[in-house]
Structures are given as structure tokens and as C-alpha cells.
């Protein structure tokens, strides 16, 4: 997926960071944060997590109230579904 395709699905990122040809776009919602990693113009990785927490669905992360239960809920929050 390329950056222009990401912008067709998600709104403008809340934070953009560039380091050489690598970029990170961060999207923030009340209950989750989505980080999209690019190399050049192509998405190479993404991570979803609760604000201030480790990556979602990690076996090391305990389930506590307020944590987004799954990636699907996070994406739905980001696109306003």
C-alpha cells in the first residue's frame, strides 16, 4: 500500500515524522493509536496500541479496562465507523 492509498482510507495523520527515506504517520483516537511506517512511499509496517501503552494484542500486555480489544475496533475508530 502506498501513502496516497492510506489517505483514501484514513484522515490526515495527527503526526508525521521523517528520517531519510523512512516516514511514520501517527493517527490518534480516544482509545487507540495507529502508527504507519513507510519506506519511501510504501507502507512496510503498522502498529496499533492504546494511548501510552505497548502494541495492541501483544501476549506480554495484560488486558485492562480502556485498552482497545482488537485491531478492527481501532481501525473503525480511525475511519469513524
C-alpha atoms as a PDB file:
ATOM      1  CA  UNK A   1       0.000   0.000   0.000  1.00  0.00           C
ATOM      2  CA  UNK A   2       1.284   3.468  -0.834  1.00  0.00           C
ATOM      3  CA  UNK A   3       0.841   6.687   1.134  1.00  0.00           C
ATOM      4  CA  UNK A   4      -1.741   8.082  -1.275  1.00  0.00           C
ATOM      5  CA  UNK A   5      -3.819   4.911  -0.750  1.00  0.00           C
ATOM      6  CA  UNK A   6      -3.624   5.320   3.034  1.00  0.00           C
ATOM      7  CA  UNK A   7      -5.025   8.841   2.737  1.00  0.00           C
ATOM      8  CA  UNK A   8      -8.013   7.462   0.815  1.00  0.00           C
ATOM      9  CA  UNK A   9      -8.994   5.408   3.887  1.00  0.00           C
ATOM     10  CA  UNK A  10      -7.709   7.417   6.842  1.00  0.00           C
ATOM     11  CA  UNK A  11      -7.864  11.137   7.613  1.00  0.00           C
ATOM     12  CA  UNK A  12      -4.813  13.396   7.764  1.00  0.00           C
ATOM     13  CA  UNK A  13      -2.334  11.959  10.303  1.00  0.00           C
ATOM     14  CA  UNK A  14      -2.038  13.675  13.672  1.00  0.00           C
ATOM     15  CA  UNK A  15       1.747  13.406  13.495  1.00  0.00           C
ATOM     16  CA  UNK A  16       4.209  12.956  10.627  1.00  0.00           C
ATOM     17  CA  UNK A  17       7.870  12.167  11.169  1.00  0.00           C
ATOM     18  CA  UNK A  18      10.580  11.685   8.553  1.00  0.00           C
ATOM     19  CA  UNK A  19      14.050  10.232   8.889  1.00  0.00           C
ATOM     20  CA  UNK A  20      15.730   9.988   5.493  1.00  0.00           C
ATOM     21  CA  UNK A  21      13.529   7.827   3.258  1.00  0.00           C
ATOM     22  CA  UNK A  22      11.642   6.420   6.269  1.00  0.00           C
ATOM     23  CA  UNK A  23       8.417   8.018   7.496  1.00  0.00           C
ATOM     24  CA  UNK A  24       5.989   7.416  10.336  1.00  0.00           C
ATOM     25  CA  UNK A  25       2.423   8.661  10.271  1.00  0.00           C
ATOM     26  CA  UNK A  26       0.588   8.545  13.601  1.00  0.00           C
ATOM     27  CA  UNK A  27      -3.179   8.607  13.978  1.00  0.00           C
ATOM     28  CA  UNK A  28      -4.682   9.190  17.412  1.00  0.00           C
ATOM     29  CA  UNK A  29      -8.164   8.446  18.669  1.00  0.00           C
ATOM     30  CA  UNK A  30      -9.558   8.406  22.196  1.00  0.00           C
ATOM     31  CA  UNK A  31      -8.926   4.685  22.726  1.00  0.00           C
ATOM     32  CA  UNK A  32      -6.159   3.807  20.285  1.00  0.00           C
ATOM     33  CA  UNK A  33      -3.096   4.969  18.397  1.00  0.00           C
ATOM     34  CA  UNK A  34      -2.136   3.752  14.928  1.00  0.00           C
ATOM     35  CA  UNK A  35       1.454   4.098  13.697  1.00  0.00           C
ATOM     36  CA  UNK A  36       2.037   3.548   9.961  1.00  0.00           C
ATOM     37  CA  UNK A  37       5.661   3.057   8.876  1.00  0.00           C
ATOM     38  CA  UNK A  38       6.810   3.839   5.338  1.00  0.00           C
ATOM     39  CA  UNK A  39       9.975   3.165   3.387  1.00  0.00           C
ATOM     40  CA  UNK A  40       9.858   5.636   0.530  1.00  0.00           C
ATOM     41  CA  UNK A  41       6.178   5.824  -0.427  1.00  0.00           C
ATOM     42  CA  UNK A  42       5.254   2.258   0.555  1.00  0.00           C
ATOM     43  CA  UNK A  43       3.797   1.021   3.850  1.00  0.00           C
ATOM     44  CA  UNK A  44       6.161  -1.552   5.350  1.00  0.00           C
ATOM     45  CA  UNK A  45       4.659  -1.966   8.817  1.00  0.00           C
ATOM     46  CA  UNK A  46       1.914  -0.731  11.135  1.00  0.00           C
ATOM     47  CA  UNK A  47       1.170  -1.000  14.844  1.00  0.00           C
ATOM     48  CA  UNK A  48      -1.949  -0.329  16.896  1.00  0.00           C
ATOM     49  CA  UNK A  49      -1.982   0.309  20.621  1.00  0.00           C
ATOM     50  CA  UNK A  50      -3.792   2.099  23.375  1.00  0.00           C
ATOM     51  CA  UNK A  51      -2.537   5.602  24.123  1.00  0.00           C
ATOM     52  CA  UNK A  52       0.569   5.352  26.291  1.00  0.00           C
ATOM     53  CA  UNK A  53       0.695   1.539  26.078  1.00  0.00           C
ATOM     54  CA  UNK A  54       2.659  -1.159  24.252  1.00  0.00           C
ATOM     55  CA  UNK A  55       1.474  -2.622  20.942  1.00  0.00           C
ATOM     56  CA  UNK A  56      -2.083  -3.999  20.981  1.00  0.00           C
ATOM     57  CA  UNK A  57      -2.699  -7.728  21.097  1.00  0.00           C
ATOM     58  CA  UNK A  58       0.796  -8.387  22.421  1.00  0.00           C
ATOM     59  CA  UNK A  59       0.946 -11.535  24.542  1.00  0.00           C
ATOM     60  CA  UNK A  60       3.074  -9.584  27.011  1.00  0.00           C
ATOM     61  CA  UNK A  61       0.444  -6.879  27.503  1.00  0.00           C
ATOM     62  CA  UNK A  62      -2.265  -7.621  30.071  1.00  0.00           C
ATOM     63  CA  UNK A  63      -5.840  -6.806  29.121  1.00  0.00           C
ATOM     64  CA  UNK A  64      -7.011  -3.913  31.266  1.00  0.00           C
ATOM     65  CA  UNK A  65     -10.037  -1.632  31.026  1.00  0.00           C
ATOM     66  CA  UNK A  66      -9.669   1.078  28.401  1.00  0.00           C
ATOM     67  CA  UNK A  67      -7.457  -0.951  26.063  1.00  0.00           C
ATOM     68  CA  UNK A  68      -8.815  -1.393  22.563  1.00  0.00           C
ATOM     69  CA  UNK A  69      -9.637  -5.109  22.374  1.00  0.00           C
ATOM     70  CA  UNK A  70      -8.639  -5.646  18.744  1.00  0.00           C
ATOM     71  CA  UNK A  71      -7.213  -4.071  15.630  1.00  0.00           C
ATOM     72  CA  UNK A  72     -10.600  -3.956  13.921  1.00  0.00           C
ATOM     73  CA  UNK A  73     -12.019  -1.720  16.674  1.00  0.00           C
ATOM     74  CA  UNK A  74      -9.048   0.637  16.324  1.00  0.00           C
ATOM     75  CA  UNK A  75      -9.431   0.960  12.541  1.00  0.00           C
ATOM     76  CA  UNK A  76     -13.182   1.534  12.877  1.00  0.00           C
ATOM     77  CA  UNK A  77     -12.477   4.324  15.357  1.00  0.00           C
ATOM     78  CA  UNK A  78      -9.967   5.927  12.983  1.00  0.00           C
ATOM     79  CA  UNK A  79     -12.325   5.951   9.998  1.00  0.00           C
ATOM     80  CA  UNK A  80     -15.365   6.953  12.052  1.00  0.00           C
ATOM     81  CA  UNK A  81     -17.447   3.791  11.646  1.00  0.00           C
END
